[in-house]
Amino acid sequence: MLPDQNETSMTSITLIHYAAPPIVGGVETILGHHARLMADAGHEVRILCGRGEQFDARVPVLVHPLIDSIHPDILACKAELDDGRRPPQFDQLVASISDVLASAVAGARVLIPHNVCSLHKNLPLTAAIWKLREQNHALRVILWHHDLAWAMPRYLPELHPGHPWDLLRRAMPGAIQVAVSDQRQEELAELLGLPRESIAVVPNGIETAQFLKLEQETRTIVQQLQLLDALPLLLLPVRVTPRKNIELALRTLAELRRRYPKAQLVVTGPLGPHNPANLVYMEQLRSLRSSLGLENAAHFLAELTPAYIPDEVISDLYALADALFLPSTEEGFGIPVLEAGLSRLPVICSDIPSLRNLAGPHATYFRLEAQPHAVAEMIHERLQRSPAFGLHSTVKTSFTWERVYSEKIAPLLR
């Protein structure tokens, strides 16, 4: 699922943090993901930071040292602020940073500071953002809170009543408040005296293709078939030939989708090369798929390309799948069982000697004469016993960056 290119008209957005990629840090990484996703959606995005470099050709990175948390002047100012003294240079730093901000947000419709209005790492920057908000009410300000200094005991000795420390526990008028978790939402609501429901919760996410190091060919297949939306995804890594019993896989998928409407099946192999009757078998499978209404759920990679699917792509599909489903009526050996074992993938397969000899007690077996609804129920029961599937499902439905962006971030930009 990709960001919706038509979600809104193009918006000019400025993101702010002390540092940006390639600087390594949690917020820096998230900033990079946000910028790429916004650019993917057609927005004009730029980043203002104290350290960093351009990491995406579409996203200018504006570096100014005073935005950083470790600039010598900022550190000297912070040392006095931590002791409860507002140093004479504070106002001058605010003025200098205000000039930088005015230039960086020129023409922008949205300003998104990350953490700089909830942490005390650069309070002149915090004060400059408040000043900018007071001067430019047309600017949409979205304050993104990962950490809250006033809610973290280790920081309390460095915080004091009054200005500028109180800027970190006041609700900026007209700003949209965003917390990265339910816990942070609760803490922020109490800190700012706001209704909890007025604070948006936008979790951090994970970039599936990057994390799993998917091959480019895999990424293309995943996008074409919308496999990231599959729940569960069943893998059938076989050639298209009658002894693989693919018709049972299709009928079982149809039954499984009564319980899991997003269930999908991928058959990876080409037609068996040594029997012309396999062409007829493929047509029969297509007809069955159509009659079962599975055109967008049962996928034959042979329909995407006549080329050989590399082993690296097959390995990627094992990493993406929720179960190996192998309904073969006969197998001389059963290499997919070994591959599934290496991939820690649950195995649901026909109860034939070759497969039972390989998997032993570690697979879920069904009789060849079992009805599709019974096989589907076995798959359901096997998945429900798997904590890994439960967590995998949660991540896929709530915590991929694509889903976080489309469901949580994009609405804030409209």
Protein backbone atom coordinates (compact mmCIF):
# COMPACT_ATOMS: atom_id res chain seq x y z
CA MET A 1 0.00 0.00 0.00
CA LEU A 2 1.57 3.24 -1.16
CA PRO A 3 0.73 6.78 -0.06
CA ASP A 4 -2.26 8.12 -1.97
CA GLN A 5 -0.96 10.48 -4.61
CA ASN A 6 -4.34 12.24 -4.68
CA GLU A 7 -4.82 12.58 -0.92
CA THR A 8 -4.62 16.37 -1.15
CA SER A 9 -3.09 19.15 -3.20
CA MET A 10 0.65 19.54 -2.88
CA THR A 11 1.65 21.10 0.43
CA SER A 12 4.94 22.77 1.29
CA ILE A 13 6.19 21.22 4.54
CA THR A 14 9.18 22.06 6.73
CA LEU A 15 10.37 19.45 9.23
CA ILE A 16 12.63 20.51 12.12
CA HIS A 17 14.86 18.56 14.45
CA TYR A 18 18.27 19.06 16.02
CA ALA A 19 19.76 16.61 13.51
CA ALA A 20 18.71 14.61 10.45
CA PRO A 21 19.99 11.56 8.56
CA PRO A 22 22.63 10.31 8.14
CA ILE A 23 23.05 11.16 11.83
CA VAL A 24 22.04 7.98 13.67
CA GLY A 25 19.24 8.37 16.18
CA GLY A 26 15.66 7.32 16.75
CA VAL A 27 14.04 10.65 15.91
CA GLU A 28 16.46 11.21 13.04
CA THR A 29 15.44 7.88 11.49
CA ILE A 30 11.75 8.68 11.87
CA LEU A 31 12.29 12.13 10.38
CA GLY A 32 13.81 10.47 7.32
CA HIS A 33 10.86 8.11 6.91
CA HIS A 34 8.35 10.95 7.27
CA ALA A 35 10.14 13.07 4.70
CA ARG A 36 10.26 10.24 2.14
CA LEU A 37 6.63 9.31 2.64
CA MET A 38 5.51 12.92 2.27
CA ALA A 39 7.59 13.27 -0.89
CA ASP A 40 6.10 10.01 -2.22
CA ALA A 41 2.67 11.57 -1.72
CA GLY A 42 3.62 14.56 -3.85
CA HIS A 43 4.36 17.12 -1.14
CA GLU A 44 7.20 19.61 -1.25
CA VAL A 45 9.30 18.72 1.79
CA ARG A 46 12.40 20.22 3.32
CA ILE A 47 14.26 19.62 6.57
CA LEU A 48 15.84 22.23 8.82
CA CYS A 49 18.43 20.81 11.20
CA GLY A 50 21.73 21.51 12.90
CA ARG A 51 23.50 18.46 11.49
CA GLY A 52 22.69 16.24 8.52
CA GLU A 53 23.02 15.81 4.79
CA GLN A 54 20.65 15.41 1.87
CA PHE A 55 19.57 11.75 1.76
CA ASP A 56 16.81 12.00 -0.85
CA ALA A 57 17.03 14.05 -4.05
CA ARG A 58 13.48 15.30 -3.46
CA VAL A 59 14.12 16.57 0.08
CA PRO A 60 16.43 19.57 0.57
CA VAL A 61 18.23 19.56 3.91
CA LEU A 62 18.90 23.04 5.28
CA VAL A 63 21.68 22.91 7.86
CA HIS A 64 22.20 25.73 10.35
CA PRO A 65 24.48 25.11 13.36
CA LEU A 66 22.27 26.98 15.87
CA ILE A 67 19.45 24.48 15.32
CA ASP A 68 21.68 21.77 16.79
CA SER A 69 21.61 20.66 20.41
CA ILE A 70 25.41 20.55 20.68
CA HIS A 71 26.45 23.89 19.19
CA PRO A 72 28.89 25.49 21.68
CA ASP A 73 26.69 28.57 22.17
CA ILE A 74 23.62 26.40 22.72
CA LEU A 75 25.48 24.17 25.19
CA ALA A 76 26.76 27.20 27.11
CA CYS A 77 23.24 28.60 27.28
CA LYS A 78 21.83 25.25 28.37
CA ALA A 79 24.37 24.92 31.18
CA GLU A 80 23.09 28.13 32.76
CA LEU A 81 19.46 27.27 32.10
CA ASP A 82 19.95 23.87 33.76
CA ASP A 83 21.10 25.73 36.89
CA GLY A 84 17.98 27.87 36.83
CA ARG A 85 19.51 31.03 35.32
CA ARG A 86 18.38 32.62 32.07
CA PRO A 87 21.63 33.82 30.51
CA PRO A 88 22.02 37.23 28.84
CA GLN A 89 22.70 35.59 25.45
CA PHE A 90 19.36 33.76 25.45
CA ASP A 91 17.39 36.52 23.73
CA GLN A 92 20.10 37.03 21.12
CA LEU A 93 20.10 33.32 20.32
CA VAL A 94 16.31 33.41 19.97
CA ALA A 95 16.58 36.34 17.56
CA SER A 96 19.27 34.65 15.47
CA ILE A 97 17.32 31.39 15.27
CA SER A 98 14.13 33.29 14.45
CA ASP A 99 15.85 34.72 11.38
CA VAL A 100 16.87 31.21 10.32
CA LEU A 101 13.32 29.94 10.83
CA ALA A 102 11.78 32.79 8.86
CA SER A 103 13.94 31.90 5.88
CA ALA A 104 13.44 28.14 6.21
CA VAL A 105 9.64 28.28 6.35
CA ALA A 106 9.19 30.93 3.67
CA GLY A 107 6.35 29.67 1.49
CA ALA A 108 5.67 26.68 3.71
CA ARG A 109 2.11 25.87 4.75
CA VAL A 110 3.02 23.30 7.40
CA LEU A 111 5.75 23.33 10.06
CA ILE A 112 6.49 20.10 11.95
CA PRO A 113 9.02 20.39 14.78
CA HIS A 114 10.04 16.98 16.16
CA ASN A 115 10.71 16.96 19.91
CA VAL A 116 12.05 20.52 20.02
CA CYS A 117 8.94 21.82 21.81
CA SER A 118 8.96 19.10 24.44
CA LEU A 119 12.68 18.70 25.25
CA HIS A 120 15.06 21.29 26.70
CA LYS A 121 18.03 20.45 24.45
CA ASN A 122 17.79 23.83 22.68
CA LEU A 123 15.39 26.16 24.45
CA PRO A 124 16.27 29.18 22.25
CA LEU A 125 14.99 27.12 19.32
CA THR A 126 11.83 26.26 21.26
CA ALA A 127 11.25 29.94 22.03
CA ALA A 128 11.88 30.90 18.39
CA ILE A 129 9.24 28.44 17.20
CA TRP A 130 6.73 29.92 19.65
CA LYS A 131 7.62 33.39 18.38
CA LEU A 132 7.15 32.26 14.78
CA ARG A 133 3.74 30.80 15.62
CA GLU A 134 2.67 34.09 17.23
CA GLN A 135 3.71 36.02 14.13
CA ASN A 136 2.30 33.65 11.50
CA HIS A 137 -1.14 32.31 12.35
CA ALA A 138 -1.63 31.02 8.81
CA LEU A 139 1.14 28.48 9.31
CA ARG A 140 -0.13 25.07 10.38
CA VAL A 141 2.12 23.92 13.22
CA ILE A 142 2.16 20.23 14.12
CA LEU A 143 4.18 19.56 17.27
CA TRP A 144 5.47 15.99 17.20
CA HIS A 145 6.31 14.69 20.68
CA HIS A 146 8.55 11.65 21.08
CA ASP A 147 9.83 12.55 24.57
CA LEU A 148 8.56 14.92 27.26
CA ALA A 149 11.19 16.53 29.48
CA TRP A 150 8.70 17.52 32.20
CA ALA A 151 7.42 13.93 32.39
CA MET A 152 10.87 12.32 32.65
CA PRO A 153 12.33 12.19 36.17
CA ARG A 154 15.95 12.29 35.02
CA TYR A 155 15.37 15.72 33.45
CA LEU A 156 13.44 17.37 36.27
CA PRO A 157 16.55 18.74 38.08
CA GLU A 158 17.34 20.70 34.89
CA LEU A 159 13.86 22.26 34.64
CA HIS A 160 12.61 25.27 36.57
CA PRO A 161 9.43 27.36 36.90
CA GLY A 162 8.98 30.26 34.50
CA HIS A 163 10.16 31.20 31.04
CA PRO A 164 11.57 29.50 28.97
CA TRP A 165 11.20 26.16 30.77
CA ASP A 166 7.41 26.51 30.93
CA LEU A 167 7.23 26.56 27.12
CA LEU A 168 7.69 22.79 27.34
CA ARG A 169 4.52 22.36 29.42
CA ARG A 170 2.23 24.87 27.79
CA ALA A 171 -0.15 24.18 24.93
CA MET A 172 0.85 26.31 21.95
CA PRO A 173 -2.32 28.10 20.76
CA GLY A 174 -3.61 26.73 17.47
CA ALA A 175 -0.98 23.98 17.21
CA ILE A 176 -1.82 20.35 16.50
CA GLN A 177 -0.36 18.10 19.18
CA VAL A 178 0.92 14.64 18.20
CA ALA A 179 2.19 11.91 20.52
CA VAL A 180 3.89 8.74 19.35
CA SER A 181 2.13 6.38 21.78
CA ASP A 182 -0.86 6.10 24.08
CA GLN A 183 1.44 6.56 27.05
CA ARG A 184 2.89 9.77 25.64
CA GLN A 185 -0.64 10.97 24.80
CA GLU A 186 -1.71 10.47 28.40
CA GLU A 187 1.40 12.19 29.78
CA LEU A 188 1.06 15.09 27.35
CA ALA A 189 -2.63 15.60 28.11
CA GLU A 190 -1.86 15.83 31.81
CA LEU A 191 1.14 18.08 31.25
CA LEU A 192 -0.65 20.55 28.95
CA GLY A 193 -4.06 20.36 30.60
CA LEU A 194 -5.69 19.22 27.37
CA PRO A 195 -8.37 16.61 26.75
CA ARG A 196 -6.66 13.37 25.84
CA GLU A 197 -8.75 12.99 22.70
CA SER A 198 -7.48 16.35 21.38
CA ILE A 199 -3.98 14.88 21.00
CA ALA A 200 -3.39 12.70 17.94
CA VAL A 201 -1.51 9.44 18.40
CA VAL A 202 0.72 8.62 15.44
CA PRO A 203 2.92 5.59 16.11
CA ASN A 204 6.28 4.98 14.60
CA GLY A 205 6.46 2.37 11.88
CA ILE A 206 8.63 -0.14 10.14
CA GLU A 207 9.65 -0.20 6.49
CA THR A 208 8.96 -3.79 5.48
CA ALA A 209 10.95 -3.99 2.27
CA GLN A 210 13.95 -2.27 3.81
CA PHE A 211 13.90 -4.27 7.03
CA LEU A 212 13.58 -7.61 5.22
CA LYS A 213 16.11 -6.51 2.57
CA LEU A 214 13.74 -7.48 -0.22
CA GLU A 215 15.12 -7.79 -3.74
CA GLN A 216 13.94 -5.17 -6.22
CA GLU A 217 12.09 -7.86 -8.18
CA THR A 218 10.33 -8.90 -4.97
CA ARG A 219 9.35 -5.32 -4.25
CA THR A 220 7.81 -5.06 -7.71
CA ILE A 221 5.83 -8.28 -7.20
CA VAL A 222 4.71 -7.18 -3.74
CA GLN A 223 3.48 -3.85 -5.11
CA GLN A 224 1.75 -5.39 -8.14
CA LEU A 225 -0.10 -7.97 -6.06
CA GLN A 226 -0.56 -5.82 -2.93
CA LEU A 227 0.92 -8.62 -0.84
CA LEU A 228 1.56 -6.37 2.16
CA ASP A 229 -2.22 -6.21 2.58
CA ALA A 230 -2.53 -10.02 2.73
CA LEU A 231 -3.58 -11.50 6.06
CA PRO A 232 -2.64 -14.29 6.11
CA LEU A 233 -0.37 -14.83 3.13
CA LEU A 234 -0.07 -18.51 2.15
CA LEU A 235 2.93 -19.59 0.11
CA LEU A 236 2.76 -22.47 -2.35
CA PRO A 237 6.25 -22.67 -3.94
CA VAL A 238 5.60 -25.33 -6.60
CA ARG A 239 5.36 -25.74 -10.35
CA VAL A 240 1.91 -25.71 -11.90
CA THR A 241 1.25 -29.40 -12.40
CA PRO A 242 -1.72 -31.58 -11.30
CA ARG A 243 0.11 -33.56 -8.61
CA LYS A 244 0.60 -30.32 -6.66
CA ASN A 245 -3.18 -30.30 -6.06
CA ILE A 246 -3.43 -26.53 -6.52
CA GLU A 247 -7.19 -26.74 -6.98
CA LEU A 248 -7.48 -27.74 -3.31
CA ALA A 249 -5.38 -24.71 -2.41
CA LEU A 250 -7.79 -22.44 -4.29
CA ARG A 251 -10.89 -23.98 -2.71
CA THR A 252 -9.27 -23.81 0.72
CA LEU A 253 -8.38 -20.15 0.19
CA ALA A 254 -12.00 -19.39 -0.69
CA GLU A 255 -13.12 -21.00 2.58
CA LEU A 256 -10.39 -19.30 4.58
CA ARG A 257 -11.47 -15.89 3.28
CA ARG A 258 -14.81 -16.35 5.03
CA ARG A 259 -12.84 -15.91 8.24
CA TYR A 260 -9.92 -13.86 6.88
CA PRO A 261 -11.24 -11.63 4.08
CA LYS A 262 -7.71 -10.47 3.22
CA ALA A 263 -6.17 -13.95 2.90
CA GLN A 264 -4.05 -14.42 -0.22
CA LEU A 265 -2.16 -17.27 -1.87
CA VAL A 266 0.98 -17.11 -4.03
CA VAL A 267 1.96 -19.97 -6.33
CA THR A 268 5.53 -19.26 -7.29
CA GLY A 269 6.44 -21.76 -10.00
CA PRO A 270 6.03 -21.89 -13.77
CA LEU A 271 4.12 -24.60 -15.58
CA GLY A 272 5.68 -28.02 -15.35
CA PRO A 273 7.95 -28.22 -18.42
CA HIS A 274 7.55 -31.86 -19.41
CA ASN A 275 3.82 -32.32 -19.94
CA PRO A 276 1.75 -30.31 -22.47
CA ALA A 277 -1.34 -31.14 -20.38
CA ASN A 278 -0.11 -28.60 -17.83
CA LEU A 279 -1.40 -25.86 -20.14
CA VAL A 280 -4.88 -27.34 -19.83
CA TYR A 281 -4.42 -27.62 -16.05
CA MET A 282 -3.48 -23.94 -15.82
CA GLU A 283 -6.62 -22.95 -17.70
CA GLN A 284 -8.69 -25.10 -15.36
CA LEU A 285 -7.11 -23.35 -12.38
CA ARG A 286 -7.82 -19.93 -13.88
CA SER A 287 -11.44 -20.90 -14.45
CA LEU A 288 -11.74 -22.21 -10.89
CA ARG A 289 -10.13 -19.06 -9.51
CA SER A 290 -12.65 -16.93 -11.39
CA SER A 291 -15.63 -19.01 -10.25
CA LEU A 292 -14.47 -18.67 -6.63
CA GLY A 293 -14.00 -14.90 -6.93
CA LEU A 294 -10.28 -15.11 -6.15
CA GLU A 295 -8.85 -13.07 -9.02
CA ASN A 296 -7.23 -10.59 -6.61
CA ALA A 297 -6.37 -13.15 -3.95
CA ALA A 298 -4.83 -16.19 -5.67
CA HIS A 299 -1.70 -15.28 -7.60
CA PHE A 300 0.35 -17.28 -10.07
CA LEU A 301 3.74 -15.67 -10.60
CA ALA A 302 3.84 -17.43 -13.96
CA GLU A 303 1.18 -14.95 -15.06
CA LEU A 304 3.45 -12.02 -14.20
CA THR A 305 6.52 -13.23 -16.01
CA PRO A 306 7.62 -16.21 -18.08
CA ALA A 307 11.12 -15.78 -16.67
CA TYR A 308 12.62 -17.90 -13.94
CA ILE A 309 11.93 -16.51 -10.46
CA PRO A 310 15.32 -16.26 -8.72
CA ASP A 311 15.92 -18.14 -5.48
CA GLU A 312 16.51 -14.80 -3.74
CA VAL A 313 12.94 -13.73 -4.56
CA ILE A 314 11.53 -17.06 -3.39
CA SER A 315 13.44 -16.58 -0.14
CA ASP A 316 11.89 -13.12 0.22
CA LEU A 317 8.42 -14.62 -0.18
CA TYR A 318 9.15 -17.05 2.64
CA ALA A 319 10.03 -14.04 4.81
CA LEU A 320 6.75 -12.32 3.89
CA ALA A 321 4.47 -15.36 4.18
CA ASP A 322 2.49 -16.47 7.21
CA ALA A 323 2.44 -20.18 6.37
CA LEU A 324 3.62 -22.74 3.86
CA PHE A 325 0.59 -24.50 2.37
CA LEU A 326 1.52 -27.68 0.51
CA PRO A 327 -1.48 -29.82 -0.60
CA SER A 328 0.47 -32.13 -2.95
CA THR A 329 -0.94 -35.58 -3.71
CA GLU A 330 2.60 -36.89 -4.12
CA GLU A 331 6.14 -35.65 -3.55
CA GLY A 332 9.43 -37.38 -4.15
CA PHE A 333 11.05 -35.30 -1.41
CA GLY A 334 9.56 -31.91 -0.43
CA ILE A 335 12.23 -29.20 -0.39
CA PRO A 336 9.68 -26.45 0.52
CA VAL A 337 9.31 -28.09 3.95
CA LEU A 338 13.03 -27.62 4.57
CA GLU A 339 12.90 -24.05 3.33
CA ALA A 340 9.95 -23.34 5.61
CA GLY A 341 11.84 -24.82 8.55
CA LEU A 342 14.81 -22.59 7.87
CA SER A 343 12.42 -19.62 7.60
CA ARG A 344 10.60 -20.52 10.86
CA LEU A 345 7.39 -20.70 8.83
CA PRO A 346 4.43 -22.85 9.96
CA VAL A 347 3.83 -25.80 7.63
CA ILE A 348 0.33 -26.99 6.73
CA CYS A 349 0.58 -29.89 4.30
CA SER A 350 -1.01 -33.06 3.02
CA ASP A 351 -0.40 -36.20 5.05
CA ILE A 352 1.77 -38.10 2.61
CA PRO A 353 4.86 -40.15 3.60
CA SER A 354 7.52 -37.93 2.06
CA LEU A 355 6.28 -34.78 3.83
CA ARG A 356 5.66 -36.50 7.17
CA ASN A 357 9.13 -38.03 7.05
CA LEU A 358 10.61 -34.56 6.64
CA ALA A 359 8.51 -32.51 9.04
CA GLY A 360 7.67 -35.16 11.63
CA PRO A 361 5.66 -33.66 14.50
CA HIS A 362 6.46 -30.11 13.44
CA ALA A 363 3.80 -29.67 10.72
CA THR A 364 0.02 -29.63 10.61
CA TYR A 365 -1.27 -32.42 8.36
CA PHE A 366 -4.57 -32.98 6.57
CA ARG A 367 -5.84 -36.05 4.75
CA LEU A 368 -5.99 -35.83 0.96
CA GLU A 369 -9.72 -36.48 1.06
CA ALA A 370 -10.29 -33.61 3.56
CA GLN A 371 -12.83 -31.01 2.49
CA PRO A 372 -11.63 -27.44 1.84
CA HIS A 373 -13.58 -25.99 4.78
CA ALA A 374 -11.91 -28.49 7.12
CA VAL A 375 -8.46 -27.63 5.78
CA ALA A 376 -9.22 -23.93 6.14
CA GLU A 377 -10.22 -24.50 9.76
CA MET A 378 -6.93 -26.31 10.38
CA ILE A 379 -5.02 -23.36 8.95
CA HIS A 380 -6.98 -20.98 11.17
CA GLU A 381 -6.33 -23.07 14.28
CA ARG A 382 -2.63 -23.37 13.47
CA LEU A 383 -2.26 -19.62 12.99
CA GLN A 384 -4.22 -18.82 16.13
CA ARG A 385 -1.81 -20.92 18.18
CA SER A 386 1.10 -18.87 16.88
CA PRO A 387 2.06 -15.75 18.89
CA ALA A 388 4.35 -14.86 16.00
CA PHE A 389 1.38 -14.70 13.61
CA GLY A 390 -0.55 -12.58 16.08
CA LEU A 391 2.22 -10.03 16.39
CA HIS A 392 2.95 -10.19 12.65
CA SER A 393 -0.71 -9.42 11.98
CA THR A 394 -0.62 -6.45 14.35
CA VAL A 395 2.49 -5.03 12.69
CA LYS A 396 1.08 -5.47 9.16
CA THR A 397 -2.27 -3.90 10.00
CA SER A 398 -1.06 -1.04 12.19
CA PHE A 399 2.66 -0.40 12.08
CA THR A 400 4.03 -0.44 8.55
CA TRP A 401 5.12 3.02 7.50
CA GLU A 402 2.78 2.90 4.50
CA ARG A 403 -0.22 2.27 6.73
CA VAL A 404 0.86 4.74 9.41
CA TYR A 405 1.23 7.41 6.75
CA SER A 406 -2.05 6.80 4.93
CA GLU A 407 -4.16 6.41 8.08
CA LYS A 408 -2.48 8.76 10.57
CA ILE A 409 -0.10 11.25 8.96
CA ALA A 410 -1.84 12.17 5.70
CA PRO A 411 -5.04 13.35 7.46
CA LEU A 412 -2.99 15.83 9.52
CA LEU A 413 -1.68 17.43 6.33
CA ARG A 414 -5.07 17.96 4.67
